[in-house]
Each structure stands twice: as structure tokens, then as C-alpha cells.
Amino acid sequence: MADSNADNSSDSSQAARPSFQVRIPVEWDEDADPEIIYANQVMVSHMGPEFFLTFGVVVPPMLTDQLPDALHIRPQVRVAVSREAMPSFVKALQDSLQRFQMAQRAGGQQGTAGPAGQQGGVPGPASEGNPTSS
């Protein structure tokens, strides 16, 4: 009898909790001016729930008479991306690359950037389905 009462109180506490979702738009801060860091190399790794993208620079030798045994990549920045956001990140990169290649074939040189669903933004993990999120 005590067991059935414990089960009933558990059911009533779950029924009392409201079940709903709230959508809050996520927007890029247009006034922000982040530092631009050049990279010509990238290394992708993952550990636990995150992916790590390490961007670096390798400078080729200027003289061919003394070639080194190896070229060293100088890491510039490492970015952690959640596993939930990574598919959107990859899709945004693919879409941007496709637009770039199409522009190159058409003879254009202009770059584009903007919110997801428009020009290459990446939706965050909690904003799935919200085309203006980043």
C-alpha cells in the first residue's frame, strides 16, 4: 500500500509541471567588430561533447636552396563548437563555399556574410528551426 502511494505522488508532481517551449530569437550584434585572424591551415579534433577547430598559419620558405625538413604551423586560435551546433556549422561552411564558387564562375569577387538562412550564419543549439538565429 505504501508503494502505491509513492507512485501516485510521483505521477502528480510530473503532471503539475508545465510542458512548453519558449522561442527567443538570437541575433548577431551588428556593432561588434571582432578581430580578424588569418589562417591557411585548420585541424579539427573532438573530445567529449565538443569539437575543436584549431586555425593556424604556415609560411612557405622564400628560398629554395635551403628547404627545411618540415614546415611548422603556428596556431592562431582554437574554437570549441558544441556537437549540437556542428552540423549547422558545417552546413553554413558548405553553403558559403558553394556561393563563393558560383560567384567565382560568374566572375564576381564579393564576399558575403550574414544570419543563417540568408548568407552563412550558424544557428545555435537551442535555436533549431529559427532561421534568424546564430
Protein backbone atom coordinates (compact mmCIF):
# COMPACT_ATOMS: atom_id res chain seq x y z
CA MET A 1 0.00 0.00 0.00
CA ALA A 2 2.85 2.37 0.77
CA ASP A 3 4.32 1.63 -2.64
CA SER A 4 1.16 2.67 -4.50
CA ASN A 5 1.01 5.99 -2.61
CA ALA A 6 4.62 6.74 -3.56
CA ASP A 7 3.80 6.05 -7.20
CA ASN A 8 0.76 8.37 -7.10
CA SER A 9 2.71 11.29 -5.61
CA SER A 10 5.37 10.88 -8.30
CA ASP A 11 2.72 10.98 -11.05
CA SER A 12 1.02 14.08 -9.62
CA SER A 13 4.31 16.03 -9.38
CA GLN A 14 5.03 15.30 -13.06
CA ALA A 15 1.52 16.33 -14.06
CA ALA A 16 1.87 19.63 -12.13
CA ARG A 17 4.97 20.66 -14.14
CA PRO A 18 4.04 22.71 -17.21
CA SER A 19 5.34 21.44 -20.51
CA PHE A 20 6.02 24.24 -23.03
CA GLN A 21 8.75 25.74 -25.16
CA VAL A 22 9.80 29.36 -25.41
CA ARG A 23 11.41 30.69 -28.61
CA ILE A 24 13.74 33.63 -28.17
CA PRO A 25 15.41 34.95 -31.34
CA VAL A 26 19.20 35.06 -31.31
CA GLU A 27 20.70 37.88 -33.35
CA TRP A 28 24.22 38.97 -34.31
CA ASP A 29 25.41 42.18 -32.66
CA GLU A 30 25.96 44.38 -35.73
CA ASP A 31 28.05 46.89 -33.72
CA ALA A 32 30.65 44.30 -32.69
CA ASP A 33 33.96 44.46 -34.55
CA PRO A 34 35.79 41.19 -33.81
CA GLU A 35 39.47 40.82 -34.58
CA ILE A 36 40.26 39.20 -37.91
CA ILE A 37 42.79 36.39 -37.62
CA TYR A 38 44.29 34.97 -40.80
CA ALA A 39 44.68 31.19 -41.15
CA ASN A 40 45.68 28.94 -44.01
CA GLN A 41 45.57 25.66 -42.06
CA VAL A 42 42.94 24.03 -39.86
CA MET A 43 42.98 21.00 -37.60
CA VAL A 44 39.70 19.51 -36.35
CA SER A 45 39.52 17.27 -33.30
CA HIS A 46 36.84 16.25 -30.84
CA MET A 47 36.77 15.30 -27.21
CA GLY A 48 33.67 14.69 -25.14
CA PRO A 49 30.76 16.81 -26.33
CA GLU A 50 32.82 19.43 -28.20
CA PHE A 51 34.64 19.76 -31.50
CA PHE A 52 37.82 21.82 -31.51
CA LEU A 53 38.89 23.74 -34.60
CA THR A 54 42.47 24.97 -34.38
CA PHE A 55 43.35 27.53 -37.03
CA GLY A 56 46.97 28.19 -37.85
CA VAL A 57 49.41 29.71 -40.32
CA VAL A 58 52.23 28.06 -42.22
CA VAL A 59 54.64 30.27 -44.14
CA PRO A 60 56.43 28.59 -47.04
CA PRO A 61 60.18 29.21 -47.36
CA MET A 62 61.18 32.10 -49.59
CA LEU A 63 64.42 30.50 -50.77
CA THR A 64 64.50 27.07 -52.36
CA ASP A 65 68.19 26.45 -51.77
CA GLN A 66 67.67 25.63 -48.05
CA LEU A 67 64.40 23.76 -47.68
CA PRO A 68 63.53 22.65 -44.13
CA ASP A 69 62.71 19.05 -43.22
CA ALA A 70 59.24 20.17 -42.14
CA LEU A 71 57.15 23.33 -42.18
CA HIS A 72 55.77 24.30 -38.78
CA ILE A 73 52.22 25.57 -38.37
CA ARG A 74 51.80 28.41 -35.87
CA PRO A 75 48.42 28.02 -34.11
CA GLN A 76 46.48 31.29 -34.13
CA VAL A 77 43.21 30.45 -32.41
CA ARG A 78 41.26 27.41 -31.17
CA VAL A 79 37.47 27.43 -31.31
CA ALA A 80 35.27 24.98 -29.40
CA VAL A 81 31.96 24.08 -31.09
CA SER A 82 29.22 22.08 -29.38
CA ARG A 83 28.21 18.81 -31.02
CA GLU A 84 24.68 20.19 -31.39
CA ALA A 85 25.91 23.21 -33.36
CA MET A 86 28.49 21.38 -35.50
CA PRO A 87 26.07 20.12 -38.23
CA SER A 88 24.77 23.69 -38.71
CA PHE A 89 28.35 24.99 -38.72
CA VAL A 90 29.35 22.51 -41.43
CA LYS A 91 26.23 23.32 -43.48
CA ALA A 92 26.93 27.07 -43.24
CA LEU A 93 30.51 26.46 -44.44
CA GLN A 94 29.31 24.29 -47.33
CA ASP A 95 26.66 26.86 -48.34
CA SER A 96 29.18 29.71 -48.18
CA LEU A 97 31.75 27.76 -50.20
CA GLN A 98 29.12 26.94 -52.83
CA ARG A 99 28.11 30.64 -53.12
CA PHE A 100 31.80 31.62 -53.37
CA GLN A 101 32.43 29.08 -56.13
CA MET A 102 29.35 30.20 -58.04
CA ALA A 103 30.45 33.84 -57.76
CA GLN A 104 33.93 32.92 -58.98
CA ARG A 105 32.49 31.15 -62.02
CA ALA A 106 30.34 34.22 -62.70
CA GLY A 107 33.39 36.49 -62.41
CA GLY A 108 32.46 38.11 -59.07
CA GLN A 109 34.85 38.82 -56.21
CA GLN A 110 32.43 39.94 -53.47
CA GLY A 111 32.20 38.07 -50.17
CA THR A 112 29.01 37.65 -48.20
CA ALA A 113 28.21 37.18 -44.54
CA GLY A 114 25.04 37.29 -42.53
CA PRO A 115 22.50 35.42 -40.43
CA ALA A 116 21.63 31.78 -41.01
CA GLY A 117 19.16 31.23 -43.78
CA GLN A 118 20.41 34.37 -45.53
CA GLN A 119 24.16 34.46 -46.04
CA GLY A 120 26.13 31.96 -43.97
CA GLY A 121 25.27 32.32 -40.27
CA VAL A 122 25.29 29.33 -37.95
CA PRO A 123 22.24 28.55 -35.79
CA GLY A 124 22.95 27.83 -32.14
CA PRO A 125 21.94 24.56 -30.45
CA ALA A 126 18.80 25.98 -28.82
CA SER A 127 17.61 27.79 -31.93
CA GLU A 128 16.93 24.88 -34.26
CA GLY A 129 14.30 25.83 -36.77
CA ASN A 130 14.75 29.56 -36.23
CA PRO A 131 16.19 30.94 -39.49
CA THR A 132 17.33 34.23 -37.93
CA SER A 133 19.34 32.60 -35.15
CA SER A 134 23.10 32.42 -34.97
